[in-house]
C-alpha atoms as a PDB file:
ATOM      1  CA  MET A   1      -0.970 -26.988  94.827  1.00  0.00           C
ATOM      2  CA  SER A   2      -2.631 -23.603  95.463  1.00  0.00           C
ATOM      3  CA  GLU A   3      -6.252 -23.296  96.580  1.00  0.00           C
ATOM      4  CA  ALA A   4      -7.059 -21.550  93.307  1.00  0.00           C
ATOM      5  CA  GLN A   5      -5.620 -24.462  91.330  1.00  0.00           C
ATOM      6  CA  GLN A   6      -7.549 -26.938  93.477  1.00  0.00           C
ATOM      7  CA  ALA A   7     -10.758 -25.026  92.761  1.00  0.00           C
ATOM      8  CA  LEU A   8     -10.056 -24.974  89.021  1.00  0.00           C
ATOM      9  CA  ASP A   9      -9.265 -28.687  89.013  1.00  0.00           C
ATOM     10  CA  TYR A  10     -12.512 -29.402  90.862  1.00  0.00           C
ATOM     11  CA  VAL A  11     -14.574 -27.403  88.377  1.00  0.00           C
ATOM     12  CA  ARG A  12     -12.866 -29.045  85.415  1.00  0.00           C
ATOM     13  CA  GLY A  13     -13.387 -32.477  86.915  1.00  0.00           C
ATOM     14  CA  ASN A  14     -17.090 -31.852  87.509  1.00  0.00           C
ATOM     15  CA  GLY A  15     -17.934 -29.775  84.439  1.00  0.00           C
ATOM     16  CA  GLU A  16     -20.015 -32.476  82.758  1.00  0.00           C
ATOM     17  CA  ARG A  17     -22.151 -32.887  85.888  1.00  0.00           C
ATOM     18  CA  TYR A  18     -22.635 -29.117  86.180  1.00  0.00           C
ATOM     19  CA  LEU A  19     -23.651 -28.895  82.535  1.00  0.00           C
ATOM     20  CA  SER A  20     -26.093 -31.777  82.934  1.00  0.00           C
ATOM     21  CA  GLU A  21     -27.646 -30.166  86.021  1.00  0.00           C
ATOM     22  CA  LEU A  22     -27.971 -26.833  84.207  1.00  0.00           C
ATOM     23  CA  LYS A  23     -29.695 -28.530  81.262  1.00  0.00           C
ATOM     24  CA  ASP A  24     -32.129 -30.233  83.669  1.00  0.00           C
ATOM     25  CA  PHE A  25     -32.949 -26.861  85.220  1.00  0.00           C
ATOM     26  CA  LEU A  26     -33.314 -25.093  81.883  1.00  0.00           C
ATOM     27  CA  ALA A  27     -35.703 -27.799  80.672  1.00  0.00           C
ATOM     28  CA  ILE A  28     -38.299 -26.708  83.249  1.00  0.00           C
ATOM     29  CA  PRO A  29     -40.638 -24.246  81.464  1.00  0.00           C
ATOM     30  CA  SER A  30     -40.904 -21.894  84.448  1.00  0.00           C
ATOM     31  CA  ILE A  31     -42.589 -19.035  82.563  1.00  0.00           C
ATOM     32  CA  SER A  32     -44.056 -17.125  85.488  1.00  0.00           C
ATOM     33  CA  THR A  33     -46.333 -14.891  83.401  1.00  0.00           C
ATOM     34  CA  LEU A  34     -48.297 -17.840  81.983  1.00  0.00           C
ATOM     35  CA  SER A  35     -50.867 -19.369  84.329  1.00  0.00           C
ATOM     36  CA  GLU A  36     -50.529 -22.748  82.624  1.00  0.00           C
ATOM     37  CA  ASN A  37     -46.904 -22.878  83.845  1.00  0.00           C
ATOM     38  CA  LYS A  38     -47.717 -22.352  87.537  1.00  0.00           C
ATOM     39  CA  GLY A  39     -46.897 -25.992  88.316  1.00  0.00           C
ATOM     40  CA  ASP A  40     -43.628 -25.695  86.415  1.00  0.00           C
ATOM     41  CA  VAL A  41     -42.658 -22.611  88.411  1.00  0.00           C
ATOM     42  CA  GLN A  42     -43.289 -24.628  91.585  1.00  0.00           C
ATOM     43  CA  ARG A  43     -41.200 -27.474  90.142  1.00  0.00           C
ATOM     44  CA  ALA A  44     -38.369 -25.029  89.399  1.00  0.00           C
ATOM     45  CA  ALA A  45     -38.538 -23.779  92.998  1.00  0.00           C
ATOM     46  CA  GLU A  46     -38.294 -27.371  94.233  1.00  0.00           C
ATOM     47  CA  TRP A  47     -35.313 -27.975  91.930  1.00  0.00           C
ATOM     48  CA  VAL A  48     -33.508 -24.925  93.319  1.00  0.00           C
ATOM     49  CA  ALA A  49     -34.272 -25.992  96.900  1.00  0.00           C
ATOM     50  CA  ALA A  50     -32.934 -29.493  96.205  1.00  0.00           C
ATOM     51  CA  GLN A  51     -29.722 -27.996  94.797  1.00  0.00           C
ATOM     52  CA  LEU A  52     -29.292 -25.867  97.915  1.00  0.00           C
ATOM     53  CA  ARG A  53     -29.806 -28.927 100.115  1.00  0.00           C
ATOM     54  CA  SER A  54     -27.252 -30.876  98.062  1.00  0.00           C
ATOM     55  CA  MET A  55     -24.735 -28.103  98.835  1.00  0.00           C
ATOM     56  CA  ASN A  56     -25.431 -28.581 102.567  1.00  0.00           C
ATOM     57  CA  MET A  57     -27.164 -25.241 102.933  1.00  0.00           C
ATOM     58  CA  ASP A  58     -29.150 -24.877 106.132  1.00  0.00           C
ATOM     59  CA  ASN A  59     -32.740 -23.808 106.645  1.00  0.00           C
ATOM     60  CA  VAL A  60     -33.748 -24.369 103.021  1.00  0.00           C
ATOM     61  CA  GLN A  61     -37.347 -23.340 102.547  1.00  0.00           C
ATOM     62  CA  ILE A  62     -39.834 -22.864  99.765  1.00  0.00           C
ATOM     63  CA  MET A  63     -42.024 -20.029 100.984  1.00  0.00           C
ATOM     64  CA  PRO A  64     -45.414 -19.521  99.374  1.00  0.00           C
ATOM     65  CA  THR A  65     -46.422 -15.981  98.427  1.00  0.00           C
ATOM     66  CA  ALA A  66     -49.465 -14.396  96.812  1.00  0.00           C
ATOM     67  CA  GLY A  67     -47.638 -14.977  93.521  1.00  0.00           C
ATOM     68  CA  HIS A  68     -44.876 -17.513  93.016  1.00  0.00           C
ATOM     69  CA  PRO A  69     -42.858 -19.147  95.804  1.00  0.00           C
ATOM     70  CA  VAL A  70     -39.599 -17.769  97.141  1.00  0.00           C
ATOM     71  CA  VAL A  71     -36.711 -20.169  97.750  1.00  0.00           C
ATOM     72  CA  TYR A  72     -34.489 -19.471 100.746  1.00  0.00           C
ATOM     73  CA  GLY A  73     -31.379 -21.123 102.110  1.00  0.00           C
ATOM     74  CA  GLU A  74     -28.595 -20.087 104.438  1.00  0.00           C
ATOM     75  CA  TRP A  75     -25.224 -21.231 105.661  1.00  0.00           C
ATOM     76  CA  LEU A  76     -24.014 -19.645 108.876  1.00  0.00           C
ATOM     77  CA  GLY A  77     -20.974 -21.838 109.466  1.00  0.00           C
ATOM     78  CA  ALA A  78     -18.305 -19.212 108.818  1.00  0.00           C
ATOM     79  CA  GLY A  79     -18.673 -17.605 112.240  1.00  0.00           C
ATOM     80  CA  LYS A  80     -19.975 -14.303 113.546  1.00  0.00           C
ATOM     81  CA  SER A  81     -16.921 -12.309 112.483  1.00  0.00           C
ATOM     82  CA  ALA A  82     -17.127 -13.409 108.830  1.00  0.00           C
ATOM     83  CA  PRO A  83     -18.644 -11.072 106.264  1.00  0.00           C
ATOM     84  CA  THR A  84     -22.185 -11.662 105.032  1.00  0.00           C
ATOM     85  CA  VAL A  85     -22.736 -12.587 101.409  1.00  0.00           C
ATOM     86  CA  MET A  86     -26.213 -12.569  99.914  1.00  0.00           C
ATOM     87  CA  ILE A  87     -26.992 -14.074  96.538  1.00  0.00           C
ATOM     88  CA  TYR A  88     -30.252 -13.148  94.850  1.00  0.00           C
ATOM     89  CA  GLY A  89     -31.559 -14.512  91.599  1.00  0.00           C
ATOM     90  CA  HIS A  90     -34.689 -15.386  89.669  1.00  0.00           C
ATOM     91  CA  TYR A  91     -35.533 -18.966  88.856  1.00  0.00           C
ATOM     92  CA  ASP A  92     -38.417 -18.056  86.571  1.00  0.00           C
ATOM     93  CA  VAL A  93     -38.234 -16.971  82.962  1.00  0.00           C
ATOM     94  CA  GLN A  94     -40.189 -14.643  80.671  1.00  0.00           C
ATOM     95  CA  PRO A  95     -41.682 -15.669  77.340  1.00  0.00           C
ATOM     96  CA  GLY A  96     -39.493 -14.947  74.342  1.00  0.00           C
END
């Protein structure tokens, strides 16, 4: 079986869990422009950090800022000659 097929089989076999985790994340009202949601934005940051830890990322941190916290994690296990990949995303939302 090819690596691509193994990856597809893994995703298909875990799709329900991924969907459930996504729903849990989306249920956090992390509207960063509303002061009453400040605690929810912190909770969303903690959720993201927990997900990174569950994926065995290293050096997972929630870093406070003057505004909302930044979540950081790294994995340096590929070796010095491997390319660097950086993933950036927002975990907060805007009111609709």
